[in-house]
Amino acid sequence: MKLVDSFGRHIYYLRISVTDRCNLRCIYCMPEEGVPWIPHDEVLSYEEMTRIVKVASQMGFSKVRLTGGEPLVRAGLPNFVRMLLQIDGIEEISLTTNGTLLKKYALELKQAGLQRVNISLDTLRADRYRYITRRGELQDVLDGIEAAHDVGLSPKINVVVMKGINDDEVIDLARQTYKGWHVRFIELMPFTSAAEYVPAGELQQRIELQGALEPCSLNGNGPAEYYRLLGATGTVGFIAPVSKPICLFCNRMRLTSDGQIRSCLLSDEGVDLRGPLRNGASVQEVTQLILRAVAFKPESHPLLESGSLKAHMSCIGG
């Protein structure tokens, strides 16, 4: 089965926020005091999430990415990976993490069947890392990157670029591709007023002053454009949700930890699956609810019209 939305986009990629909780307080993601957590009894169990993925797989979903909050703060994640990989039609499970706990779990996740991991890292400076995350330690993430590489999880490094905060490190981060890193620069979306974004085109121009960027490809399901510096084994990627419309190629839906199926990261529109699921909804009923959410999928995200957002990224599962 091929699931197509009302704008002709092939939908096959499900991002699951397994928790809204996080061990960091990044300045562009949530306030320093945090946000009210979703009560435990309102969070989907792994078994409930698995039931939803089974239905989604029958509808044509084949790729799953686990997100948070920080997914590794939820106990039992490797076992959840095993549960998902037993579902017919699911071809790939990947993970997005801040990397602080990855050294501990990388091998177990790989053995469970996880294929790939994206790791958030916005700076190579320890003091600046503590400023951006408000409580993290850079070395923990560097150890996590190394562990992910060692076990074959093909890590990609996601860098949110903020004007006047870390944009002076763009060249240093791009140079990590000579060490084999795959570094992706992401435009800051205005969830908070922490900083201004820097257009991806400007970042590319800065890096090109250091050397030519040759277009290349890299396995993945997202909107990044990839390049390679001459002699580098890693790649430089750019994701431009603010300056360049990327919605035309959007292939994903999102399941929040409290059971909302959403069609867009930046939309408050969602369809509740938790209630019907806990009231004994059939496969056909869950299918119809997911189809309803797909029907809500907008042609473009509201940021292109409004220029600002009110949600917290941690509650959605970026």
C-alpha atoms as a PDB file:
ATOM      1  CA  MET A   1       0.000   0.000   0.000  1.00  0.00           C
ATOM      2  CA  LYS A   2       1.230   3.504  -0.860  1.00  0.00           C
ATOM      3  CA  LEU A   3      -0.097   6.281   1.367  1.00  0.00           C
ATOM      4  CA  VAL A   4      -0.359   9.635  -0.414  1.00  0.00           C
ATOM      5  CA  ASP A   5      -1.579  12.888   1.101  1.00  0.00           C
ATOM      6  CA  SER A   6      -3.859  15.442  -0.561  1.00  0.00           C
ATOM      7  CA  PHE A   7      -0.848  17.179  -2.138  1.00  0.00           C
ATOM      8  CA  GLY A   8       0.531  14.011  -3.718  1.00  0.00           C
ATOM      9  CA  ARG A   9       3.335  13.424  -1.208  1.00  0.00           C
ATOM     10  CA  HIS A  10       4.251   9.821  -0.413  1.00  0.00           C
ATOM     11  CA  ILE A  11       3.919   9.369   3.378  1.00  0.00           C
ATOM     12  CA  TYR A  12       5.959   6.485   4.792  1.00  0.00           C
ATOM     13  CA  TYR A  13       8.047   7.868   7.678  1.00  0.00           C
ATOM     14  CA  LEU A  14       6.817   7.932  11.302  1.00  0.00           C
ATOM     15  CA  ARG A  15       8.609   9.869  14.027  1.00  0.00           C
ATOM     16  CA  ILE A  16       7.708   8.680  17.526  1.00  0.00           C
ATOM     17  CA  SER A  17       8.308  10.847  20.582  1.00  0.00           C
ATOM     18  CA  VAL A  18       8.763   8.203  23.269  1.00  0.00           C
ATOM     19  CA  THR A  19       8.919  10.825  26.050  1.00  0.00           C
ATOM     20  CA  ASP A  20       8.557  14.560  26.532  1.00  0.00           C
ATOM     21  CA  ARG A  21      11.233  14.513  29.259  1.00  0.00           C
ATOM     22  CA  CYS A  22      14.814  15.605  28.783  1.00  0.00           C
ATOM     23  CA  ASN A  23      17.987  15.824  30.847  1.00  0.00           C
ATOM     24  CA  LEU A  24      19.030  19.115  29.197  1.00  0.00           C
ATOM     25  CA  ARG A  25      17.426  22.550  28.957  1.00  0.00           C
ATOM     26  CA  CYS A  26      18.689  23.877  25.625  1.00  0.00           C
ATOM     27  CA  ILE A  27      18.060  27.579  25.224  1.00  0.00           C
ATOM     28  CA  TYR A  28      16.169  27.192  21.937  1.00  0.00           C
ATOM     29  CA  CYS A  29      14.077  24.241  23.092  1.00  0.00           C
ATOM     30  CA  MET A  30      12.569  24.997  26.512  1.00  0.00           C
ATOM     31  CA  PRO A  31      12.817  27.481  29.392  1.00  0.00           C
ATOM     32  CA  GLU A  32      15.466  26.980  32.071  1.00  0.00           C
ATOM     33  CA  GLU A  33      12.871  25.860  34.606  1.00  0.00           C
ATOM     34  CA  GLY A  34      11.587  23.262  32.145  1.00  0.00           C
ATOM     35  CA  VAL A  35       7.964  22.691  31.159  1.00  0.00           C
ATOM     36  CA  PRO A  36       5.188  20.694  32.869  1.00  0.00           C
ATOM     37  CA  TRP A  37       5.749  17.015  32.123  1.00  0.00           C
ATOM     38  CA  ILE A  38       2.979  14.846  30.728  1.00  0.00           C
ATOM     39  CA  PRO A  39       1.685  12.627  33.581  1.00  0.00           C
ATOM     40  CA  HIS A  40       2.929   9.030  33.334  1.00  0.00           C
ATOM     41  CA  ASP A  41      -0.548   7.576  32.910  1.00  0.00           C
ATOM     42  CA  GLU A  42      -1.097   9.802  29.866  1.00  0.00           C
ATOM     43  CA  VAL A  43       2.072   8.606  28.135  1.00  0.00           C
ATOM     44  CA  LEU A  44       1.670   5.703  25.729  1.00  0.00           C
ATOM     45  CA  SER A  45       3.243   2.430  26.791  1.00  0.00           C
ATOM     46  CA  TYR A  46       5.677   0.766  24.418  1.00  0.00           C
ATOM     47  CA  GLU A  47       3.017  -1.864  23.778  1.00  0.00           C
ATOM     48  CA  GLU A  48       0.522   0.838  22.751  1.00  0.00           C
ATOM     49  CA  MET A  49       3.069   2.469  20.497  1.00  0.00           C
ATOM     50  CA  THR A  50       3.813  -0.913  18.942  1.00  0.00           C
ATOM     51  CA  ARG A  51       0.115  -1.469  18.220  1.00  0.00           C
ATOM     52  CA  ILE A  52      -0.030   1.882  16.418  1.00  0.00           C
ATOM     53  CA  VAL A  53       3.090   1.087  14.379  1.00  0.00           C
ATOM     54  CA  LYS A  54       1.604  -2.282  13.371  1.00  0.00           C
ATOM     55  CA  VAL A  55      -1.401  -0.463  11.934  1.00  0.00           C
ATOM     56  CA  ALA A  56       0.808   2.183  10.319  1.00  0.00           C
ATOM     57  CA  SER A  57       2.973  -0.494   8.682  1.00  0.00           C
ATOM     58  CA  GLN A  58      -0.113  -1.968   7.036  1.00  0.00           C
ATOM     59  CA  MET A  59      -0.822   1.492   5.641  1.00  0.00           C
ATOM     60  CA  GLY A  60       2.627   1.759   4.040  1.00  0.00           C
ATOM     61  CA  PHE A  61       4.818   3.246   6.772  1.00  0.00           C
ATOM     62  CA  SER A  62       8.247   1.593   6.605  1.00  0.00           C
ATOM     63  CA  LYS A  63      10.636   3.946   8.436  1.00  0.00           C
ATOM     64  CA  VAL A  64      10.507   4.849  12.128  1.00  0.00           C
ATOM     65  CA  ARG A  65      12.598   7.393  14.027  1.00  0.00           C
ATOM     66  CA  LEU A  66      12.544   7.527  17.822  1.00  0.00           C
ATOM     67  CA  THR A  67      12.754  10.996  19.380  1.00  0.00           C
ATOM     68  CA  GLY A  68      11.916  12.791  22.626  1.00  0.00           C
ATOM     69  CA  GLY A  69      12.403  14.939  24.625  1.00  0.00           C
ATOM     70  CA  GLU A  70      15.479  12.821  25.075  1.00  0.00           C
ATOM     71  CA  PRO A  71      14.533   9.234  24.199  1.00  0.00           C
ATOM     72  CA  LEU A  72      17.351   7.647  26.187  1.00  0.00           C
ATOM     73  CA  VAL A  73      15.950   8.920  29.494  1.00  0.00           C
ATOM     74  CA  ARG A  74      13.063   6.482  29.066  1.00  0.00           C
ATOM     75  CA  ALA A  75      13.873   3.018  30.385  1.00  0.00           C
ATOM     76  CA  GLY A  76      13.726   0.009  28.105  1.00  0.00           C
ATOM     77  CA  LEU A  77      14.324   1.747  24.778  1.00  0.00           C
ATOM     78  CA  PRO A  78      16.478  -1.077  23.276  1.00  0.00           C
ATOM     79  CA  ASN A  79      13.683  -3.548  23.926  1.00  0.00           C
ATOM     80  CA  PHE A  80      11.236  -1.192  22.192  1.00  0.00           C
ATOM     81  CA  VAL A  81      13.530  -1.227  19.158  1.00  0.00           C
ATOM     82  CA  ARG A  82      13.317  -5.039  19.161  1.00  0.00           C
ATOM     83  CA  MET A  83       9.523  -4.878  19.375  1.00  0.00           C
ATOM     84  CA  LEU A  84       9.317  -2.553  16.380  1.00  0.00           C
ATOM     85  CA  LEU A  85      11.659  -4.607  14.228  1.00  0.00           C
ATOM     86  CA  GLN A  86       9.393  -7.628  14.630  1.00  0.00           C
ATOM     87  CA  ILE A  87       6.648  -5.770  12.731  1.00  0.00           C
ATOM     88  CA  ASP A  88       6.273  -6.769   9.089  1.00  0.00           C
ATOM     89  CA  GLY A  89       6.971  -3.861   6.775  1.00  0.00           C
ATOM     90  CA  ILE A  90       9.201  -1.858   9.123  1.00  0.00           C
ATOM     91  CA  GLU A  91      12.506  -1.640   7.308  1.00  0.00           C
ATOM     92  CA  GLU A  92      14.443   0.861   9.390  1.00  0.00           C
ATOM     93  CA  ILE A  93      14.594   2.149  12.965  1.00  0.00           C
ATOM     94  CA  SER A  94      16.687   5.221  13.744  1.00  0.00           C
ATOM     95  CA  LEU A  95      17.135   7.509  16.739  1.00  0.00           C
ATOM     96  CA  THR A  96      17.631  11.202  17.463  1.00  0.00           C
ATOM     97  CA  THR A  97      19.403  11.922  20.759  1.00  0.00           C
ATOM     98  CA  ASN A  98      21.389  14.616  22.533  1.00  0.00           C
ATOM     99  CA  GLY A  99      24.101  11.988  22.927  1.00  0.00           C
ATOM    100  CA  THR A 100      24.758  12.465  26.633  1.00  0.00           C
ATOM    101  CA  LEU A 101      23.690   8.890  27.481  1.00  0.00           C
ATOM    102  CA  LEU A 102      24.693   7.264  24.216  1.00  0.00           C
ATOM    103  CA  LYS A 103      28.009   5.847  25.380  1.00  0.00           C
ATOM    104  CA  LYS A 104      26.074   3.695  27.862  1.00  0.00           C
ATOM    105  CA  TYR A 105      23.482   2.451  25.389  1.00  0.00           C
ATOM    106  CA  ALA A 106      25.102   2.468  21.920  1.00  0.00           C
ATOM    107  CA  LEU A 107      26.100  -1.197  21.825  1.00  0.00           C
ATOM    108  CA  GLU A 108      22.802  -2.427  23.284  1.00  0.00           C
ATOM    109  CA  LEU A 109      20.842  -0.331  20.794  1.00  0.00           C
ATOM    110  CA  LYS A 110      22.891  -1.659  17.886  1.00  0.00           C
ATOM    111  CA  GLN A 111      22.415  -5.231  19.077  1.00  0.00           C
ATOM    112  CA  ALA A 112      18.674  -4.570  19.338  1.00  0.00           C
ATOM    113  CA  GLY A 113      18.618  -3.623  15.665  1.00  0.00           C
ATOM    114  CA  LEU A 114      18.910   0.162  15.598  1.00  0.00           C
ATOM    115  CA  GLN A 115      20.453   1.195  12.269  1.00  0.00           C
ATOM    116  CA  ARG A 116      21.278   4.890  12.521  1.00  0.00           C
ATOM    117  CA  VAL A 117      21.533   7.714  15.023  1.00  0.00           C
ATOM    118  CA  ASN A 118      21.431  11.509  14.810  1.00  0.00           C
ATOM    119  CA  ILE A 119      23.209  13.349  17.612  1.00  0.00           C
ATOM    120  CA  SER A 120      22.606  16.979  18.548  1.00  0.00           C
ATOM    121  CA  LEU A 121      25.794  18.974  19.114  1.00  0.00           C
ATOM    122  CA  ASP A 122      25.818  22.744  18.667  1.00  0.00           C
ATOM    123  CA  THR A 123      29.359  23.559  19.744  1.00  0.00           C
ATOM    124  CA  LEU A 124      32.817  22.085  20.246  1.00  0.00           C
ATOM    125  CA  ARG A 125      33.555  24.310  23.261  1.00  0.00           C
ATOM    126  CA  ALA A 126      32.825  22.934  26.731  1.00  0.00           C
ATOM    127  CA  ASP A 127      31.878  26.262  28.312  1.00  0.00           C
ATOM    128  CA  ARG A 128      29.615  27.156  25.425  1.00  0.00           C
ATOM    129  CA  TYR A 129      28.012  23.721  25.528  1.00  0.00           C
ATOM    130  CA  ARG A 130      27.091  24.267  29.174  1.00  0.00           C
ATOM    131  CA  TYR A 131      25.652  27.673  28.261  1.00  0.00           C
ATOM    132  CA  ILE A 132      23.509  26.327  25.405  1.00  0.00           C
ATOM    133  CA  THR A 133      22.276  23.228  27.250  1.00  0.00           C
ATOM    134  CA  ARG A 134      22.277  24.846  30.722  1.00  0.00           C
ATOM    135  CA  ARG A 135      23.430  21.600  32.371  1.00  0.00           C
ATOM    136  CA  GLY A 136      25.267  19.305  29.968  1.00  0.00           C
ATOM    137  CA  GLU A 137      28.890  18.222  29.583  1.00  0.00           C
ATOM    138  CA  LEU A 138      30.461  18.278  26.136  1.00  0.00           C
ATOM    139  CA  GLN A 139      32.673  15.250  26.779  1.00  0.00           C
ATOM    140  CA  ASP A 140      29.626  13.056  27.355  1.00  0.00           C
ATOM    141  CA  VAL A 141      28.424  13.808  23.831  1.00  0.00           C
ATOM    142  CA  LEU A 142      31.862  13.343  22.277  1.00  0.00           C
ATOM    143  CA  ASP A 143      32.074   9.960  24.002  1.00  0.00           C
ATOM    144  CA  GLY A 144      28.616   9.125  22.668  1.00  0.00           C
ATOM    145  CA  ILE A 145      29.609  10.023  19.114  1.00  0.00           C
ATOM    146  CA  GLU A 146      32.675   7.807  19.364  1.00  0.00           C
ATOM    147  CA  ALA A 147      30.651   4.920  20.809  1.00  0.00           C
ATOM    148  CA  ALA A 148      28.022   5.235  18.056  1.00  0.00           C
ATOM    149  CA  HIS A 149      30.736   5.217  15.413  1.00  0.00           C
ATOM    150  CA  ASP A 150      32.489   2.220  16.971  1.00  0.00           C
ATOM    151  CA  VAL A 151      29.362   0.032  16.966  1.00  0.00           C
ATOM    152  CA  GLY A 152      28.316   1.013  13.439  1.00  0.00           C
ATOM    153  CA  LEU A 153      25.391   3.358  14.078  1.00  0.00           C
ATOM    154  CA  SER A 154      26.574   5.785  11.363  1.00  0.00           C
ATOM    155  CA  PRO A 155      26.083   8.944  13.446  1.00  0.00           C
ATOM    156  CA  LYS A 156      25.063  12.245  11.890  1.00  0.00           C
ATOM    157  CA  ILE A 157      25.747  15.383  13.912  1.00  0.00           C
ATOM    158  CA  ASN A 158      22.941  17.957  13.983  1.00  0.00           C
ATOM    159  CA  VAL A 159      24.041  21.545  14.602  1.00  0.00           C
ATOM    160  CA  VAL A 160      21.436  24.240  15.239  1.00  0.00           C
ATOM    161  CA  VAL A 161      23.129  27.470  14.228  1.00  0.00           C
ATOM    162  CA  MET A 162      22.392  30.592  16.286  1.00  0.00           C
ATOM    163  CA  LYS A 163      23.576  34.035  15.302  1.00  0.00           C
ATOM    164  CA  GLY A 164      26.009  35.483  17.818  1.00  0.00           C
ATOM    165  CA  ILE A 165      26.088  32.293  19.877  1.00  0.00           C
ATOM    166  CA  ASN A 166      27.715  29.522  17.853  1.00  0.00           C
ATOM    167  CA  ASP A 167      27.806  30.659  14.225  1.00  0.00           C
ATOM    168  CA  ASP A 168      31.504  31.452  14.656  1.00  0.00           C
ATOM    169  CA  GLU A 169      32.139  27.689  14.901  1.00  0.00           C
ATOM    170  CA  VAL A 170      30.668  26.740  11.540  1.00  0.00           C
ATOM    171  CA  ILE A 171      34.078  26.308   9.924  1.00  0.00           C
ATOM    172  CA  ASP A 172      35.472  24.309  12.859  1.00  0.00           C
ATOM    173  CA  LEU A 173      32.456  22.001  12.785  1.00  0.00           C
ATOM    174  CA  ALA A 174      32.661  21.593   9.008  1.00  0.00           C
ATOM    175  CA  ARG A 175      36.305  20.598   9.376  1.00  0.00           C
ATOM    176  CA  GLN A 176      35.229  17.643  11.515  1.00  0.00           C
ATOM    177  CA  THR A 177      34.158  16.015   8.251  1.00  0.00           C
ATOM    178  CA  TYR A 178      37.860  15.389   7.579  1.00  0.00           C
ATOM    179  CA  LYS A 179      37.637  13.047  10.593  1.00  0.00           C
ATOM    180  CA  GLY A 180      34.680  11.249   9.045  1.00  0.00           C
ATOM    181  CA  TRP A 181      31.892  13.146  10.800  1.00  0.00           C
ATOM    182  CA  HIS A 182      28.640  13.787   8.936  1.00  0.00           C
ATOM    183  CA  VAL A 183      27.711  17.314  10.067  1.00  0.00           C
ATOM    184  CA  ARG A 184      24.331  18.860   9.298  1.00  0.00           C
ATOM    185  CA  PHE A 185      23.701  22.562   9.869  1.00  0.00           C
ATOM    186  CA  ILE A 186      20.075  23.324  10.739  1.00  0.00           C
ATOM    187  CA  GLU A 187      18.406  26.710  10.672  1.00  0.00           C
ATOM    188  CA  LEU A 188      17.050  27.751  14.059  1.00  0.00           C
ATOM    189  CA  MET A 189      13.258  27.735  14.187  1.00  0.00           C
ATOM    190  CA  PRO A 190      11.728  30.444  16.404  1.00  0.00           C
ATOM    191  CA  PHE A 191      10.348  28.356  19.258  1.00  0.00           C
ATOM    192  CA  THR A 192      11.950  30.885  21.609  1.00  0.00           C
ATOM    193  CA  SER A 193      13.605  34.285  21.304  1.00  0.00           C
ATOM    194  CA  ALA A 194      16.975  32.822  22.340  1.00  0.00           C
ATOM    195  CA  ALA A 195      18.729  33.877  19.140  1.00  0.00           C
ATOM    196  CA  GLU A 196      18.338  34.683  15.463  1.00  0.00           C
ATOM    197  CA  TYR A 197      18.719  32.088  12.771  1.00  0.00           C
ATOM    198  CA  VAL A 198      21.417  32.159  10.101  1.00  0.00           C
ATOM    199  CA  PRO A 199      20.259  31.252   6.571  1.00  0.00           C
ATOM    200  CA  ALA A 200      21.702  27.986   5.302  1.00  0.00           C
ATOM    201  CA  GLY A 201      22.831  29.710   2.124  1.00  0.00           C
ATOM    202  CA  GLU A 202      25.024  32.049   4.157  1.00  0.00           C
ATOM    203  CA  LEU A 203      26.535  29.115   6.049  1.00  0.00           C
ATOM    204  CA  GLN A 204      27.309  27.353   2.796  1.00  0.00           C
ATOM    205  CA  GLN A 205      29.034  30.459   1.461  1.00  0.00           C
ATOM    206  CA  ARG A 206      31.203  30.688   4.586  1.00  0.00           C
ATOM    207  CA  ILE A 207      32.301  27.089   4.282  1.00  0.00           C
ATOM    208  CA  GLU A 208      32.982  27.426   0.560  1.00  0.00           C
ATOM    209  CA  LEU A 209      35.550  30.109   1.378  1.00  0.00           C
ATOM    210  CA  GLN A 210      37.553  27.268   2.957  1.00  0.00           C
ATOM    211  CA  GLY A 211      37.197  24.963  -0.049  1.00  0.00           C
ATOM    212  CA  ALA A 212      34.829  23.781  -2.731  1.00  0.00           C
ATOM    213  CA  LEU A 213      31.748  21.820  -1.690  1.00  0.00           C
ATOM    214  CA  GLU A 214      30.883  19.000  -4.069  1.00  0.00           C
ATOM    215  CA  PRO A 215      27.248  17.780  -4.019  1.00  0.00           C
ATOM    216  CA  CYS A 216      26.868  14.206  -2.798  1.00  0.00           C
ATOM    217  CA  SER A 217      24.245  11.866  -1.372  1.00  0.00           C
ATOM    218  CA  LEU A 218      23.846  10.233   2.034  1.00  0.00           C
ATOM    219  CA  ASN A 219      21.350   7.662   3.263  1.00  0.00           C
ATOM    220  CA  GLY A 220      18.449   9.230   5.074  1.00  0.00           C
ATOM    221  CA  ASN A 221      14.786  10.204   4.924  1.00  0.00           C
ATOM    222  CA  GLY A 222      14.981  13.934   5.523  1.00  0.00           C
ATOM    223  CA  PRO A 223      15.277  17.201   3.599  1.00  0.00           C
ATOM    224  CA  ALA A 224      19.029  17.789   3.987  1.00  0.00           C
ATOM    225  CA  GLU A 225      21.203  18.727   1.018  1.00  0.00           C
ATOM    226  CA  TYR A 226      24.637  17.090   1.276  1.00  0.00           C
ATOM    227  CA  TYR A 227      28.086  18.174   0.131  1.00  0.00           C
ATOM    228  CA  ARG A 228      31.644  17.049   0.617  1.00  0.00           C
ATOM    229  CA  LEU A 229      34.803  19.082   1.126  1.00  0.00           C
ATOM    230  CA  LEU A 230      37.692  17.938  -1.046  1.00  0.00           C
ATOM    231  CA  GLY A 231      39.521  15.151   0.748  1.00  0.00           C
ATOM    232  CA  ALA A 232      36.901  14.716   3.483  1.00  0.00           C
ATOM    233  CA  THR A 233      35.415  11.313   4.233  1.00  0.00           C
ATOM    234  CA  GLY A 234      32.429  12.853   5.995  1.00  0.00           C
ATOM    235  CA  THR A 235      29.779  15.178   4.615  1.00  0.00           C
ATOM    236  CA  VAL A 236      28.364  18.647   5.219  1.00  0.00           C
ATOM    237  CA  GLY A 237      24.583  18.922   5.153  1.00  0.00           C
ATOM    238  CA  PHE A 238      22.161  21.836   5.265  1.00  0.00           C
ATOM    239  CA  ILE A 239      18.552  21.799   6.463  1.00  0.00           C
ATOM    240  CA  ALA A 240      16.702  25.054   5.808  1.00  0.00           C
ATOM    241  CA  PRO A 241      13.162  25.011   7.271  1.00  0.00           C
ATOM    242  CA  VAL A 242      13.058  28.816   7.515  1.00  0.00           C
ATOM    243  CA  SER A 243      14.739  30.208   4.405  1.00  0.00           C
ATOM    244  CA  LYS A 244      13.883  27.494   1.905  1.00  0.00           C
ATOM    245  CA  PRO A 245      10.501  25.740   1.665  1.00  0.00           C
ATOM    246  CA  ILE A 246      11.135  22.040   2.343  1.00  0.00           C
ATOM    247  CA  CYS A 247       7.517  21.021   2.863  1.00  0.00           C
ATOM    248  CA  LEU A 248       7.096  19.969  -0.767  1.00  0.00           C
ATOM    249  CA  PHE A 249       9.084  16.812  -0.010  1.00  0.00           C
ATOM    250  CA  CYS A 250       7.735  16.062   3.490  1.00  0.00           C
ATOM    251  CA  ASN A 251       7.173  12.323   3.889  1.00  0.00           C
ATOM    252  CA  ARG A 252       6.429  12.074   7.608  1.00  0.00           C
ATOM    253  CA  MET A 253       3.858  11.931  10.349  1.00  0.00           C
ATOM    254  CA  ARG A 254       4.534  12.307  14.078  1.00  0.00           C
ATOM    255  CA  LEU A 255       3.260  10.384  17.072  1.00  0.00           C
ATOM    256  CA  THR A 256       3.578  12.291  20.339  1.00  0.00           C
ATOM    257  CA  SER A 257       4.282  10.525  23.602  1.00  0.00           C
ATOM    258  CA  ASP A 258       0.712  11.151  24.783  1.00  0.00           C
ATOM    259  CA  GLY A 259      -0.795   9.564  21.698  1.00  0.00           C
ATOM    260  CA  GLN A 260      -1.497  12.413  19.281  1.00  0.00           C
ATOM    261  CA  ILE A 261      -0.823  11.696  15.634  1.00  0.00           C
ATOM    262  CA  ARG A 262       0.273  14.927  13.952  1.00  0.00           C
ATOM    263  CA  SER A 263       0.985  15.785  10.365  1.00  0.00           C
ATOM    264  CA  CYS A 264       3.449  18.630  10.890  1.00  0.00           C
ATOM    265  CA  LEU A 265       6.106  19.540  13.451  1.00  0.00           C
ATOM    266  CA  LEU A 266       4.808  23.100  13.522  1.00  0.00           C
ATOM    267  CA  SER A 267       1.084  22.431  13.708  1.00  0.00           C
ATOM    268  CA  ASP A 268      -1.124  22.091  16.783  1.00  0.00           C
ATOM    269  CA  GLU A 269      -3.585  19.976  14.798  1.00  0.00           C
ATOM    270  CA  GLY A 270      -3.582  16.353  15.879  1.00  0.00           C
ATOM    271  CA  VAL A 271      -5.791  13.299  16.123  1.00  0.00           C
ATOM    272  CA  ASP A 272      -6.012  11.454  19.440  1.00  0.00           C
ATOM    273  CA  LEU A 273      -5.113   7.765  19.233  1.00  0.00           C
ATOM    274  CA  ARG A 274      -4.612   7.092  22.949  1.00  0.00           C
ATOM    275  CA  GLY A 275      -8.258   7.386  23.949  1.00  0.00           C
ATOM    276  CA  PRO A 276      -9.657   5.157  21.196  1.00  0.00           C
ATOM    277  CA  LEU A 277      -6.808   2.676  21.651  1.00  0.00           C
ATOM    278  CA  ARG A 278      -7.475   2.334  25.380  1.00  0.00           C
ATOM    279  CA  ASN A 279     -11.193   1.978  24.659  1.00  0.00           C
ATOM    280  CA  GLY A 280     -10.581  -1.036  22.433  1.00  0.00           C
ATOM    281  CA  ALA A 281     -10.502   0.547  18.967  1.00  0.00           C
ATOM    282  CA  SER A 282     -10.164  -1.952  16.123  1.00  0.00           C
ATOM    283  CA  VAL A 283      -7.421  -1.937  13.500  1.00  0.00           C
ATOM    284  CA  GLN A 284      -9.887  -0.413  11.044  1.00  0.00           C
ATOM    285  CA  GLU A 285     -10.786   2.363  13.475  1.00  0.00           C
ATOM    286  CA  VAL A 286      -7.144   3.231  14.177  1.00  0.00           C
ATOM    287  CA  THR A 287      -6.490   3.182  10.433  1.00  0.00           C
ATOM    288  CA  GLN A 288      -9.266   5.703   9.853  1.00  0.00           C
ATOM    289  CA  LEU A 289      -7.901   7.975  12.587  1.00  0.00           C
ATOM    290  CA  ILE A 290      -4.439   7.966  11.002  1.00  0.00           C
ATOM    291  CA  LEU A 291      -5.992   8.664   7.599  1.00  0.00           C
ATOM    292  CA  ARG A 292      -7.836  11.604   9.136  1.00  0.00           C
ATOM    293  CA  ALA A 293      -4.529  13.001  10.428  1.00  0.00           C
ATOM    294  CA  VAL A 294      -2.920  12.551   7.001  1.00  0.00           C
ATOM    295  CA  ALA A 295      -5.835  14.470   5.496  1.00  0.00           C
ATOM    296  CA  PHE A 296      -4.955  17.386   7.821  1.00  0.00           C
ATOM    297  CA  LYS A 297      -1.383  17.533   6.518  1.00  0.00           C
ATOM    298  CA  PRO A 298      -0.856  21.103   5.283  1.00  0.00           C
ATOM    299  CA  GLU A 299       0.838  22.067   2.061  1.00  0.00           C
ATOM    300  CA  SER A 300       3.384  24.090   4.036  1.00  0.00           C
ATOM    301  CA  HIS A 301       4.176  24.759   7.675  1.00  0.00           C
ATOM    302  CA  PRO A 302       2.698  27.860   9.367  1.00  0.00           C
ATOM    303  CA  LEU A 303       6.121  29.408   9.910  1.00  0.00           C
ATOM    304  CA  LEU A 304       6.113  30.468   6.265  1.00  0.00           C
ATOM    305  CA  GLU A 305       3.123  32.696   7.006  1.00  0.00           C
ATOM    306  CA  SER A 306       3.451  33.671  10.674  1.00  0.00           C
ATOM    307  CA  GLY A 307       7.219  33.785  11.178  1.00  0.00           C
ATOM    308  CA  SER A 308       6.956  32.650  14.810  1.00  0.00           C
ATOM    309  CA  LEU A 309       5.938  29.672  16.931  1.00  0.00           C
ATOM    310  CA  LYS A 310       4.401  29.192  20.366  1.00  0.00           C
ATOM    311  CA  ALA A 311       5.104  25.502  21.055  1.00  0.00           C
ATOM    312  CA  HIS A 312       8.052  23.924  22.839  1.00  0.00           C
ATOM    313  CA  MET A 313      10.156  21.649  20.651  1.00  0.00           C
ATOM    314  CA  SER A 314      10.590  19.232  23.559  1.00  0.00           C
ATOM    315  CA  CYS A 315       6.856  18.513  23.635  1.00  0.00           C
ATOM    316  CA  ILE A 316       6.637  17.665  19.940  1.00  0.00           C
ATOM    317  CA  GLY A 317       9.645  15.505  19.195  1.00  0.00           C
ATOM    318  CA  GLY A 318      11.788  17.470  16.750  1.00  0.00           C
END
